[in-house]
Each structure stands twice: as structure tokens, then as C-alpha cells.
Amino acid sequence: EFVLVSSGKRQNARGFIVVAVLWILAALS
């Protein structure tokens, strides 16, 4: 059984990761 992930969900995941990385960078700064 394959689970298909829509491109919208993948983009949301990437956006969440980017935001988290930015927060980490801001905290480190």
C-alpha cells in the first residue's frame, strides 16, 4: 500500500522546517 503525499503538504512541511531553522539561527545570533 502506498501513501501519497500531496505537493501542498510537502510544501507545508518544508515551510515548517525553514521557519524552525530561522528561529534557531535567530536564537543563536
mmCIF file of all heavy atoms, coordinates in Angstrom:
data_MODEL
# 
_entry.id   MODEL 
# 
loop_
_atom_site.group_PDB 
_atom_site.id 
_atom_site.type_symbol 
_atom_site.label_atom_id 
_atom_site.label_alt_id 
_atom_site.label_comp_id 
_atom_site.label_asym_id 
_atom_site.label_entity_id 
_atom_site.label_seq_id 
_atom_site.pdbx_PDB_ins_code 
_atom_site.Cartn_x 
_atom_site.Cartn_y 
_atom_site.Cartn_z 
_atom_site.occupancy 
_atom_site.B_iso_or_equiv 
_atom_site.pdbx_formal_charge 
_atom_site.auth_seq_id 
_atom_site.auth_comp_id 
_atom_site.auth_asym_id 
_atom_site.auth_atom_id 
_atom_site.pdbx_PDB_model_num 
ATOM 1   N N   . GLU A 1 1  ? 0.857  -1.205 0.000  1.00 0.00 ? 1  GLU A N   1 
ATOM 2   C CA  . GLU A 1 1  ? 0.000  0.000  0.000  1.00 0.00 ? 1  GLU A CA  1 
ATOM 3   C C   . GLU A 1 1  ? 0.878  1.235  0.000  1.00 0.00 ? 1  GLU A C   1 
ATOM 4   O O   . GLU A 1 1  ? 1.829  1.359  0.745  1.00 0.00 ? 1  GLU A O   1 
ATOM 5   C CB  . GLU A 1 1  ? -0.874 0.005  1.249  1.00 0.00 ? 1  GLU A CB  1 
ATOM 6   C CG  . GLU A 1 1  ? -1.821 1.186  1.278  1.00 0.00 ? 1  GLU A CG  1 
ATOM 7   C CD  . GLU A 1 1  ? -2.726 1.135  2.476  1.00 0.00 ? 1  GLU A CD  1 
ATOM 8   O OE1 . GLU A 1 1  ? -2.624 0.149  3.238  1.00 0.00 ? 1  GLU A OE1 1 
ATOM 9   O OE2 . GLU A 1 1  ? -3.486 2.078  2.690  1.00 0.00 ? 1  GLU A OE2 1 
ATOM 10  N N   . PHE A 1 2  ? 0.573  2.121  -0.871 1.00 0.00 ? 2  PHE A N   1 
ATOM 11  C CA  . PHE A 1 2  ? 1.324  3.368  -0.980 1.00 0.00 ? 2  PHE A CA  1 
ATOM 12  C C   . PHE A 1 2  ? 0.487  4.510  -0.454 1.00 0.00 ? 2  PHE A C   1 
ATOM 13  O O   . PHE A 1 2  ? -0.713 4.562  -0.669 1.00 0.00 ? 2  PHE A O   1 
ATOM 14  C CB  . PHE A 1 2  ? 1.667  3.658  -2.465 1.00 0.00 ? 2  PHE A CB  1 
ATOM 15  C CG  . PHE A 1 2  ? 2.597  2.631  -3.054 1.00 0.00 ? 2  PHE A CG  1 
ATOM 16  C CD1 . PHE A 1 2  ? 2.096  1.519  -3.747 1.00 0.00 ? 2  PHE A CD1 1 
ATOM 17  C CD2 . PHE A 1 2  ? 3.972  2.780  -2.894 1.00 0.00 ? 2  PHE A CD2 1 
ATOM 18  C CE1 . PHE A 1 2  ? 2.969  0.604  -4.274 1.00 0.00 ? 2  PHE A CE1 1 
ATOM 19  C CE2 . PHE A 1 2  ? 4.813  1.836  -3.440 1.00 0.00 ? 2  PHE A CE2 1 
ATOM 20  C CZ  . PHE A 1 2  ? 4.323  0.732  -4.132 1.00 0.00 ? 2  PHE A CZ  1 
ATOM 21  N N   . VAL A 1 3  ? 1.191  5.393  0.235  1.00 0.00 ? 3  VAL A N   1 
ATOM 22  C CA  . VAL A 1 3  ? 0.524  6.588  0.745  1.00 0.00 ? 3  VAL A CA  1 
ATOM 23  C C   . VAL A 1 3  ? 1.034  7.766  -0.033 1.00 0.00 ? 3  VAL A C   1 
ATOM 24  O O   . VAL A 1 3  ? 2.251  8.025  -0.090 1.00 0.00 ? 3  VAL A O   1 
ATOM 25  C CB  . VAL A 1 3  ? 0.830  6.793  2.246  1.00 0.00 ? 3  VAL A CB  1 
ATOM 26  C CG1 . VAL A 1 3  ? 0.170  8.078  2.735  1.00 0.00 ? 3  VAL A CG1 1 
ATOM 27  C CG2 . VAL A 1 3  ? 0.334  5.604  3.050  1.00 0.00 ? 3  VAL A CG2 1 
ATOM 28  N N   . LEU A 1 4  ? 0.158  8.409  -0.660 1.00 0.00 ? 4  LEU A N   1 
ATOM 29  C CA  . LEU A 1 4  ? 0.529  9.548  -1.490 1.00 0.00 ? 4  LEU A CA  1 
ATOM 30  C C   . LEU A 1 4  ? 0.419  10.830 -0.675 1.00 0.00 ? 4  LEU A C   1 
ATOM 31  O O   . LEU A 1 4  ? -0.570 11.068 -0.001 1.00 0.00 ? 4  LEU A O   1 
ATOM 32  C CB  . LEU A 1 4  ? -0.395 9.624  -2.715 1.00 0.00 ? 4  LEU A CB  1 
ATOM 33  C CG  . LEU A 1 4  ? -0.337 8.402  -3.655 1.00 0.00 ? 4  LEU A CG  1 
ATOM 34  C CD1 . LEU A 1 4  ? -1.355 8.573  -4.796 1.00 0.00 ? 4  LEU A CD1 1 
ATOM 35  C CD2 . LEU A 1 4  ? 1.073  8.240  -4.224 1.00 0.00 ? 4  LEU A CD2 1 
ATOM 36  N N   . VAL A 1 5  ? 1.505  11.617 -0.745 1.00 0.00 ? 5  VAL A N   1 
ATOM 37  C CA  . VAL A 1 5  ? 1.517  12.908 -0.056 1.00 0.00 ? 5  VAL A CA  1 
ATOM 38  C C   . VAL A 1 5  ? 1.413  13.984 -1.097 1.00 0.00 ? 5  VAL A C   1 
ATOM 39  O O   . VAL A 1 5  ? 2.204  14.010 -2.061 1.00 0.00 ? 5  VAL A O   1 
ATOM 40  C CB  . VAL A 1 5  ? 2.805  13.100 0.751  1.00 0.00 ? 5  VAL A CB  1 
ATOM 41  C CG1 . VAL A 1 5  ? 2.799  14.455 1.452  1.00 0.00 ? 5  VAL A CG1 1 
ATOM 42  C CG2 . VAL A 1 5  ? 2.947  11.976 1.772  1.00 0.00 ? 5  VAL A CG2 1 
ATOM 43  N N   . SER A 1 6  ? 0.445  14.794 -0.925 1.00 0.00 ? 6  SER A N   1 
ATOM 44  C CA  . SER A 1 6  ? 0.213  15.835 -1.920 1.00 0.00 ? 6  SER A CA  1 
ATOM 45  C C   . SER A 1 6  ? 1.342  16.845 -1.911 1.00 0.00 ? 6  SER A C   1 
ATOM 46  O O   . SER A 1 6  ? 2.067  16.998 -0.919 1.00 0.00 ? 6  SER A O   1 
ATOM 47  C CB  . SER A 1 6  ? -1.120 16.536 -1.638 1.00 0.00 ? 6  SER A CB  1 
ATOM 48  O OG  . SER A 1 6  ? -1.041 17.235 -0.422 1.00 0.00 ? 6  SER A OG  1 
ATOM 49  N N   . SER A 1 7  ? 1.531  17.532 -3.011 1.00 0.00 ? 7  SER A N   1 
ATOM 50  C CA  . SER A 1 7  ? 2.592  18.552 -3.098 1.00 0.00 ? 7  SER A CA  1 
ATOM 51  C C   . SER A 1 7  ? 2.336  19.681 -2.103 1.00 0.00 ? 7  SER A C   1 
ATOM 52  O O   . SER A 1 7  ? 3.263  20.271 -1.576 1.00 0.00 ? 7  SER A O   1 
ATOM 53  C CB  . SER A 1 7  ? 2.652  19.124 -4.526 1.00 0.00 ? 7  SER A CB  1 
ATOM 54  O OG  . SER A 1 7  ? 1.391  19.721 -4.873 1.00 0.00 ? 7  SER A OG  1 
ATOM 55  N N   . GLY A 1 8  ? 1.084  20.000 -1.786 1.00 0.00 ? 8  GLY A N   1 
ATOM 56  C CA  . GLY A 1 8  ? 0.767  21.053 -0.819 1.00 0.00 ? 8  GLY A CA  1 
ATOM 57  C C   . GLY A 1 8  ? 1.274  20.700 0.568  1.00 0.00 ? 8  GLY A C   1 
ATOM 58  O O   . GLY A 1 8  ? 1.823  21.522 1.286  1.00 0.00 ? 8  GLY A O   1 
ATOM 59  N N   . LYS A 1 9  ? 1.091  19.437 0.946  1.00 0.00 ? 9  LYS A N   1 
ATOM 60  C CA  . LYS A 1 9  ? 1.556  19.013 2.262  1.00 0.00 ? 9  LYS A CA  1 
ATOM 61  C C   . LYS A 1 9  ? 3.070  19.047 2.341  1.00 0.00 ? 9  LYS A C   1 
ATOM 62  O O   . LYS A 1 9  ? 3.659  19.395 3.353  1.00 0.00 ? 9  LYS A O   1 
ATOM 63  C CB  . LYS A 1 9  ? 1.033  17.614 2.583  1.00 0.00 ? 9  LYS A CB  1 
ATOM 64  C CG  . LYS A 1 9  ? -0.471 17.585 2.826  1.00 0.00 ? 9  LYS A CG  1 
ATOM 65  C CD  . LYS A 1 9  ? -0.920 16.197 3.214  1.00 0.00 ? 9  LYS A CD  1 
ATOM 66  C CE  . LYS A 1 9  ? -2.424 16.170 3.519  1.00 0.00 ? 9  LYS A CE  1 
ATOM 67  N NZ  . LYS A 1 9  ? -2.874 14.821 3.920  1.00 0.00 ? 9  LYS A NZ  1 
ATOM 68  N N   . ARG A 1 10 ? 3.763  18.602 1.215  1.00 0.00 ? 10 ARG A N   1 
ATOM 69  C CA  . ARG A 1 10 ? 5.222  18.644 1.201  1.00 0.00 ? 10 ARG A CA  1 
ATOM 70  C C   . ARG A 1 10 ? 5.718  20.079 1.347  1.00 0.00 ? 10 ARG A C   1 
ATOM 71  O O   . ARG A 1 10 ? 6.693  20.356 2.044  1.00 0.00 ? 10 ARG A O   1 
ATOM 72  C CB  . ARG A 1 10 ? 5.751  18.015 -0.090 1.00 0.00 ? 10 ARG A CB  1 
ATOM 73  C CG  . ARG A 1 10 ? 5.618  16.491 -0.116 1.00 0.00 ? 10 ARG A CG  1 
ATOM 74  C CD  . ARG A 1 10 ? 6.504  15.903 -1.199 1.00 0.00 ? 10 ARG A CD  1 
ATOM 75  N NE  . ARG A 1 10 ? 6.112  16.367 -2.526 1.00 0.00 ? 10 ARG A NE  1 
ATOM 76  C CZ  . ARG A 1 10 ? 5.203  15.739 -3.304 1.00 0.00 ? 10 ARG A CZ  1 
ATOM 77  N NH1 . ARG A 1 10 ? 4.607  14.651 -2.863 1.00 0.00 ? 10 ARG A NH1 1 
ATOM 78  N NH2 . ARG A 1 10 ? 4.904  16.216 -4.486 1.00 0.00 ? 10 ARG A NH2 1 
ATOM 79  N N   . GLN A 1 11 ? 5.054  21.016 0.675  1.00 0.00 ? 11 GLN A N   1 
ATOM 80  C CA  . GLN A 1 11 ? 5.452  22.415 0.783  1.00 0.00 ? 11 GLN A CA  1 
ATOM 81  C C   . GLN A 1 11 ? 5.254  22.945 2.216  1.00 0.00 ? 11 GLN A C   1 
ATOM 82  O O   . GLN A 1 11 ? 6.073  23.699 2.738  1.00 0.00 ? 11 GLN A O   1 
ATOM 83  C CB  . GLN A 1 11 ? 4.642  23.265 -0.199 1.00 0.00 ? 11 GLN A CB  1 
ATOM 84  C CG  . GLN A 1 11 ? 5.028  23.012 -1.655 1.00 0.00 ? 11 GLN A CG  1 
ATOM 85  C CD  . GLN A 1 11 ? 4.153  23.814 -2.598 1.00 0.00 ? 11 GLN A CD  1 
ATOM 86  O OE1 . GLN A 1 11 ? 3.198  24.453 -2.168 1.00 0.00 ? 11 GLN A OE1 1 
ATOM 87  N NE2 . GLN A 1 11 ? 4.469  23.743 -3.894 1.00 0.00 ? 11 GLN A NE2 1 
ATOM 88  N N   . ASN A 1 12 ? 4.164  22.511 2.858  1.00 0.00 ? 12 ASN A N   1 
ATOM 89  C CA  . ASN A 1 12 ? 3.935  22.941 4.251  1.00 0.00 ? 12 ASN A CA  1 
ATOM 90  C C   . ASN A 1 12 ? 5.029  22.416 5.172  1.00 0.00 ? 12 ASN A C   1 
ATOM 91  O O   . ASN A 1 12 ? 5.489  23.104 6.087  1.00 0.00 ? 12 ASN A O   1 
ATOM 92  C CB  . ASN A 1 12 ? 2.577  22.450 4.742  1.00 0.00 ? 12 ASN A CB  1 
ATOM 93  C CG  . ASN A 1 12 ? 1.432  23.214 4.069  1.00 0.00 ? 12 ASN A CG  1 
ATOM 94  O OD1 . ASN A 1 12 ? 1.635  24.321 3.568  1.00 0.00 ? 12 ASN A OD1 1 
ATOM 95  N ND2 . ASN A 1 12 ? 0.250  22.604 4.049  1.00 0.00 ? 12 ASN A ND2 1 
ATOM 96  N N   . ALA A 1 13 ? 5.431  21.153 4.914  1.00 0.00 ? 13 ALA A N   1 
ATOM 97  C CA  . ALA A 1 13 ? 6.494  20.565 5.745  1.00 0.00 ? 13 ALA A CA  1 
ATOM 98  C C   . ALA A 1 13 ? 7.793  21.323 5.564  1.00 0.00 ? 13 ALA A C   1 
ATOM 99  O O   . ALA A 1 13 ? 8.508  21.611 6.515  1.00 0.00 ? 13 ALA A O   1 
ATOM 100 C CB  . ALA A 1 13 ? 6.672  19.086 5.388  1.00 0.00 ? 13 ALA A CB  1 
ATOM 101 N N   . ARG A 1 14 ? 8.104  21.630 4.247  1.00 0.00 ? 14 ARG A N   1 
ATOM 102 C CA  . ARG A 1 14 ? 9.340  22.390 4.004  1.00 0.00 ? 14 ARG A CA  1 
ATOM 103 C C   . ARG A 1 14 ? 9.268  23.760 4.685  1.00 0.00 ? 14 ARG A C   1 
ATOM 104 O O   . ARG A 1 14 ? 10.241 24.247 5.252  1.00 0.00 ? 14 ARG A O   1 
ATOM 105 C CB  . ARG A 1 14 ? 9.559  22.567 2.506  1.00 0.00 ? 14 ARG A CB  1 
ATOM 106 C CG  . ARG A 1 14 ? 9.859  21.278 1.761  1.00 0.00 ? 14 ARG A CG  1 
ATOM 107 C CD  . ARG A 1 14 ? 10.386 21.593 0.377  1.00 0.00 ? 14 ARG A CD  1 
ATOM 108 N NE  . ARG A 1 14 ? 10.371 20.432 -0.463 1.00 0.00 ? 14 ARG A NE  1 
ATOM 109 C CZ  . ARG A 1 14 ? 9.405  20.135 -1.349 1.00 0.00 ? 14 ARG A CZ  1 
ATOM 110 N NH1 . ARG A 1 14 ? 8.372  20.956 -1.475 1.00 0.00 ? 14 ARG A NH1 1 
ATOM 111 N NH2 . ARG A 1 14 ? 9.472  19.045 -2.080 1.00 0.00 ? 14 ARG A NH2 1 
ATOM 112 N N   . GLY A 1 15 ? 8.103  24.395 4.605  1.00 0.00 ? 15 GLY A N   1 
ATOM 113 C CA  . GLY A 1 15 ? 7.951  25.717 5.221  1.00 0.00 ? 15 GLY A CA  1 
ATOM 114 C C   . GLY A 1 15 ? 8.147  25.664 6.719  1.00 0.00 ? 15 GLY A C   1 
ATOM 115 O O   . GLY A 1 15 ? 8.784  26.541 7.309  1.00 0.00 ? 15 GLY A O   1 
ATOM 116 N N   . PHE A 1 16 ? 7.626  24.620 7.331  1.00 0.00 ? 16 PHE A N   1 
ATOM 117 C CA  . PHE A 1 16 ? 7.793  24.481 8.771  1.00 0.00 ? 16 PHE A CA  1 
ATOM 118 C C   . PHE A 1 16 ? 9.258  24.322 9.131  1.00 0.00 ? 16 PHE A C   1 
ATOM 119 O O   . PHE A 1 16 ? 9.760  24.919 10.097 1.00 0.00 ? 16 PHE A O   1 
ATOM 120 C CB  . PHE A 1 16 ? 6.984  23.263 9.265  1.00 0.00 ? 16 PHE A CB  1 
ATOM 121 C CG  . PHE A 1 16 ? 7.221  22.952 10.719 1.00 0.00 ? 16 PHE A CG  1 
ATOM 122 C CD1 . PHE A 1 16 ? 6.587  23.689 11.714 1.00 0.00 ? 16 PHE A CD1 1 
ATOM 123 C CD2 . PHE A 1 16 ? 8.087  21.930 11.090 1.00 0.00 ? 16 PHE A CD2 1 
ATOM 124 C CE1 . PHE A 1 16 ? 6.817  23.403 13.050 1.00 0.00 ? 16 PHE A CE1 1 
ATOM 125 C CE2 . PHE A 1 16 ? 8.315  21.650 12.425 1.00 0.00 ? 16 PHE A CE2 1 
ATOM 126 C CZ  . PHE A 1 16 ? 7.673  22.387 13.402 1.00 0.00 ? 16 PHE A CZ  1 
ATOM 127 N N   . ILE A 1 17 ? 9.994  23.509 8.354  1.00 0.00 ? 17 ILE A N   1 
ATOM 128 C CA  . ILE A 1 17 ? 11.411 23.286 8.600  1.00 0.00 ? 17 ILE A CA  1 
ATOM 129 C C   . ILE A 1 17 ? 12.193 24.576 8.439  1.00 0.00 ? 17 ILE A C   1 
ATOM 130 O O   . ILE A 1 17 ? 13.067 24.910 9.249  1.00 0.00 ? 17 ILE A O   1 
ATOM 131 C CB  . ILE A 1 17 ? 11.961 22.201 7.649  1.00 0.00 ? 17 ILE A CB  1 
ATOM 132 C CG1 . ILE A 1 17 ? 11.314 20.841 7.990  1.00 0.00 ? 17 ILE A CG1 1 
ATOM 133 C CG2 . ILE A 1 17 ? 13.479 22.117 7.745  1.00 0.00 ? 17 ILE A CG2 1 
ATOM 134 C CD1 . ILE A 1 17 ? 11.642 19.754 6.989  1.00 0.00 ? 17 ILE A CD1 1 
ATOM 135 N N   . VAL A 1 18 ? 11.877 25.338 7.387  1.00 0.00 ? 18 VAL A N   1 
ATOM 136 C CA  . VAL A 1 18 ? 12.568 26.610 7.154  1.00 0.00 ? 18 VAL A CA  1 
ATOM 137 C C   . VAL A 1 18 ? 12.342 27.575 8.315  1.00 0.00 ? 18 VAL A C   1 
ATOM 138 O O   . VAL A 1 18 ? 13.270 28.219 8.814  1.00 0.00 ? 18 VAL A O   1 
ATOM 139 C CB  . VAL A 1 18 ? 12.108 27.244 5.829  1.00 0.00 ? 18 VAL A CB  1 
ATOM 140 C CG1 . VAL A 1 18 ? 12.631 28.682 5.710  1.00 0.00 ? 18 VAL A CG1 1 
ATOM 141 C CG2 . VAL A 1 18 ? 12.582 26.413 4.655  1.00 0.00 ? 18 VAL A CG2 1 
ATOM 142 N N   . VAL A 1 19 ? 11.095 27.667 8.770  1.00 0.00 ? 19 VAL A N   1 
ATOM 143 C CA  . VAL A 1 19 ? 10.782 28.556 9.885  1.00 0.00 ? 19 VAL A CA  1 
ATOM 144 C C   . VAL A 1 19 ? 11.529 28.120 11.144 1.00 0.00 ? 19 VAL A C   1 
ATOM 145 O O   . VAL A 1 19 ? 12.088 28.947 11.881 1.00 0.00 ? 19 VAL A O   1 
ATOM 146 C CB  . VAL A 1 19 ? 9.266  28.582 10.151 1.00 0.00 ? 19 VAL A CB  1 
ATOM 147 C CG1 . VAL A 1 19 ? 8.960  29.316 11.455 1.00 0.00 ? 19 VAL A CG1 1 
ATOM 148 C CG2 . VAL A 1 19 ? 8.544  29.255 8.995  1.00 0.00 ? 19 VAL A CG2 1 
ATOM 149 N N   . ALA A 1 20 ? 11.574 26.805 11.384 1.00 0.00 ? 20 ALA A N   1 
ATOM 150 C CA  . ALA A 1 20 ? 12.280 26.302 12.562 1.00 0.00 ? 20 ALA A CA  1 
ATOM 151 C C   . ALA A 1 20 ? 13.763 26.630 12.484 1.00 0.00 ? 20 ALA A C   1 
ATOM 152 O O   . ALA A 1 20 ? 14.380 27.047 13.478 1.00 0.00 ? 20 ALA A O   1 
ATOM 153 C CB  . ALA A 1 20 ? 12.072 24.789 12.686 1.00 0.00 ? 20 ALA A CB  1 
ATOM 154 N N   . VAL A 1 21 ? 14.340 26.451 11.287 1.00 0.00 ? 21 VAL A N   1 
ATOM 155 C CA  . VAL A 1 21 ? 15.763 26.760 11.113 1.00 0.00 ? 21 VAL A CA  1 
ATOM 156 C C   . VAL A 1 21 ? 16.018 28.246 11.345 1.00 0.00 ? 21 VAL A C   1 
ATOM 157 O O   . VAL A 1 21 ? 17.002 28.640 11.989 1.00 0.00 ? 21 VAL A O   1 
ATOM 158 C CB  . VAL A 1 21 ? 16.244 26.337 9.717  1.00 0.00 ? 21 VAL A CB  1 
ATOM 159 C CG1 . VAL A 1 21 ? 17.651 26.880 9.434  1.00 0.00 ? 21 VAL A CG1 1 
ATOM 160 C CG2 . VAL A 1 21 ? 16.243 24.823 9.594  1.00 0.00 ? 21 VAL A CG2 1 
ATOM 161 N N   . LEU A 1 22 ? 15.130 29.093 10.821 1.00 0.00 ? 22 LEU A N   1 
ATOM 162 C CA  . LEU A 1 22 ? 15.285 30.535 11.013 1.00 0.00 ? 22 LEU A CA  1 
ATOM 163 C C   . LEU A 1 22 ? 15.217 30.902 12.491 1.00 0.00 ? 22 LEU A C   1 
ATOM 164 O O   . LEU A 1 22 ? 15.976 31.755 12.966 1.00 0.00 ? 22 LEU A O   1 
ATOM 165 C CB  . LEU A 1 22 ? 14.220 31.291 10.219 1.00 0.00 ? 22 LEU A CB  1 
ATOM 166 C CG  . LEU A 1 22 ? 14.364 31.254 8.689  1.00 0.00 ? 22 LEU A CG  1 
ATOM 167 C CD1 . LEU A 1 22 ? 13.193 31.953 8.026  1.00 0.00 ? 22 LEU A CD1 1 
ATOM 168 C CD2 . LEU A 1 22 ? 15.678 31.921 8.276  1.00 0.00 ? 22 LEU A CD2 1 
ATOM 169 N N   . TRP A 1 23 ? 14.292 30.291 13.222 1.00 0.00 ? 23 TRP A N   1 
ATOM 170 C CA  . TRP A 1 23 ? 14.196 30.557 14.663 1.00 0.00 ? 23 TRP A CA  1 
ATOM 171 C C   . TRP A 1 23 ? 15.476 30.140 15.394 1.00 0.00 ? 23 TRP A C   1 
ATOM 172 O O   . TRP A 1 23 ? 15.967 30.830 16.281 1.00 0.00 ? 23 TRP A O   1 
ATOM 173 C CB  . TRP A 1 23 ? 12.999 29.815 15.263 1.00 0.00 ? 23 TRP A CB  1 
ATOM 174 C CG  . TRP A 1 23 ? 11.704 30.577 15.149 1.00 0.00 ? 23 TRP A CG  1 
ATOM 175 C CD1 . TRP A 1 23 ? 10.660 30.337 14.311 1.00 0.00 ? 23 TRP A CD1 1 
ATOM 176 C CD2 . TRP A 1 23 ? 11.348 31.723 15.921 1.00 0.00 ? 23 TRP A CD2 1 
ATOM 177 N NE1 . TRP A 1 23 ? 9.672  31.252 14.488 1.00 0.00 ? 23 TRP A NE1 1 
ATOM 178 C CE2 . TRP A 1 23 ? 10.049 32.129 15.478 1.00 0.00 ? 23 TRP A CE2 1 
ATOM 179 C CE3 . TRP A 1 23 ? 11.980 32.448 16.922 1.00 0.00 ? 23 TRP A CE3 1 
ATOM 180 C CZ2 . TRP A 1 23 ? 9.387  33.222 16.005 1.00 0.00 ? 23 TRP A CZ2 1 
ATOM 181 C CZ3 . TRP A 1 23 ? 11.324 33.541 17.454 1.00 0.00 ? 23 TRP A CZ3 1 
ATOM 182 C CH2 . TRP A 1 23 ? 10.048 33.932 17.002 1.00 0.00 ? 23 TRP A CH2 1 
ATOM 183 N N   . ILE A 1 24 ? 16.018 28.988 14.982 1.00 0.00 ? 24 ILE A N   1 
ATOM 184 C CA  . ILE A 1 24 ? 17.260 28.518 15.606 1.00 0.00 ? 24 ILE A CA  1 
ATOM 185 C C   . ILE A 1 24 ? 18.405 29.482 15.318 1.00 0.00 ? 24 ILE A C   1 
ATOM 186 O O   . ILE A 1 24 ? 19.194 29.833 16.194 1.00 0.00 ? 24 ILE A O   1 
ATOM 187 C CB  . ILE A 1 24 ? 17.597 27.103 15.113 1.00 0.00 ? 24 ILE A CB  1 
ATOM 188 C CG1 . ILE A 1 24 ? 16.546 26.100 15.639 1.00 0.00 ? 24 ILE A CG1 1 
ATOM 189 C CG2 . ILE A 1 24 ? 19.002 26.687 15.561 1.00 0.00 ? 24 ILE A CG2 1 
ATOM 190 C CD1 . ILE A 1 24 ? 16.681 24.715 15.059 1.00 0.00 ? 24 ILE A CD1 1 
ATOM 191 N N   . LEU A 1 25 ? 18.472 29.933 14.047 1.00 0.00 ? 25 LEU A N   1 
ATOM 192 C CA  . LEU A 1 25 ? 19.521 30.880 13.677 1.00 0.00 ? 25 LEU A CA  1 
ATOM 193 C C   . LEU A 1 25 ? 19.374 32.196 14.448 1.00 0.00 ? 25 LEU A C   1 
ATOM 194 O O   . LEU A 1 25 ? 20.362 32.798 14.896 1.00 0.00 ? 25 LEU A O   1 
ATOM 195 C CB  . LEU A 1 25 ? 19.489 31.143 12.176 1.00 0.00 ? 25 LEU A CB  1 
ATOM 196 C CG  . LEU A 1 25 ? 19.926 29.969 11.284 1.00 0.00 ? 25 LEU A CG  1 
ATOM 197 C CD1 . LEU A 1 25 ? 19.730 30.327 9.808  1.00 0.00 ? 25 LEU A CD1 1 
ATOM 198 C CD2 . LEU A 1 25 ? 21.384 29.612 11.553 1.00 0.00 ? 25 LEU A CD2 1 
ATOM 199 N N   . ALA A 1 26 ? 18.129 32.658 14.596 1.00 0.00 ? 26 ALA A N   1 
ATOM 200 C CA  . ALA A 1 26 ? 17.889 33.888 15.343 1.00 0.00 ? 26 ALA A CA  1 
ATOM 201 C C   . ALA A 1 26 ? 18.306 33.736 16.800 1.00 0.00 ? 26 ALA A C   1 
ATOM 202 O O   . ALA A 1 26 ? 18.914 34.639 17.397 1.00 0.00 ? 26 ALA A O   1 
ATOM 203 C CB  . ALA A 1 26 ? 16.419 34.283 15.254 1.00 0.00 ? 26 ALA A CB  1 
ATOM 204 N N   . ALA A 1 27 ? 17.980 32.562 17.372 1.00 0.00 ? 27 ALA A N   1 
ATOM 205 C CA  . ALA A 1 27 ? 18.359 32.312 18.764 1.00 0.00 ? 27 ALA A CA  1 
ATOM 206 C C   . ALA A 1 27 ? 19.876 32.270 18.915 1.00 0.00 ? 27 ALA A C   1 
ATOM 207 O O   . ALA A 1 27 ? 20.441 32.826 19.870 1.00 0.00 ? 27 ALA A O   1 
ATOM 208 C CB  . ALA A 1 27 ? 17.738 31.004 19.254 1.00 0.00 ? 27 ALA A CB  1 
ATOM 209 N N   . LEU A 1 28 ? 20.531 31.608 17.947 1.00 0.00 ? 28 LEU A N   1 
ATOM 210 C CA  . LEU A 1 28 ? 21.991 31.558 18.001 1.00 0.00 ? 28 LEU A CA  1 
ATOM 211 C C   . LEU A 1 28 ? 22.594 32.948 17.854 1.00 0.00 ? 28 LEU A C   1 
ATOM 212 O O   . LEU A 1 28 ? 23.567 33.296 18.526 1.00 0.00 ? 28 LEU A O   1 
ATOM 213 C CB  . LEU A 1 28 ? 22.518 30.640 16.893 1.00 0.00 ? 28 LEU A CB  1 
ATOM 214 C CG  . LEU A 1 28 ? 22.264 29.141 17.086 1.00 0.00 ? 28 LEU A CG  1 
ATOM 215 C CD1 . LEU A 1 28 ? 22.705 28.360 15.863 1.00 0.00 ? 28 LEU A CD1 1 
ATOM 216 C CD2 . LEU A 1 28 ? 23.006 28.631 18.323 1.00 0.00 ? 28 LEU A CD2 1 
ATOM 217 N N   . SER A 1 29 ? 22.008 33.768 16.976 1.00 0.00 ? 29 SER A N   1 
ATOM 218 C CA  . SER A 1 29 ? 22.504 35.136 16.803 1.00 0.00 ? 29 SER A CA  1 
ATOM 219 C C   . SER A 1 29 ? 22.358 35.930 18.089 1.00 0.00 ? 29 SER A C   1 
ATOM 220 O O   . SER A 1 29 ? 23.248 36.690 18.478 1.00 0.00 ? 29 SER A O   1 
ATOM 221 C CB  . SER A 1 29 ? 21.744 35.833 15.664 1.00 0.00 ? 29 SER A CB  1 
ATOM 222 O OG  . SER A 1 29 ? 21.960 35.158 14.439 1.00 0.00 ? 29 SER A OG  1 
# 
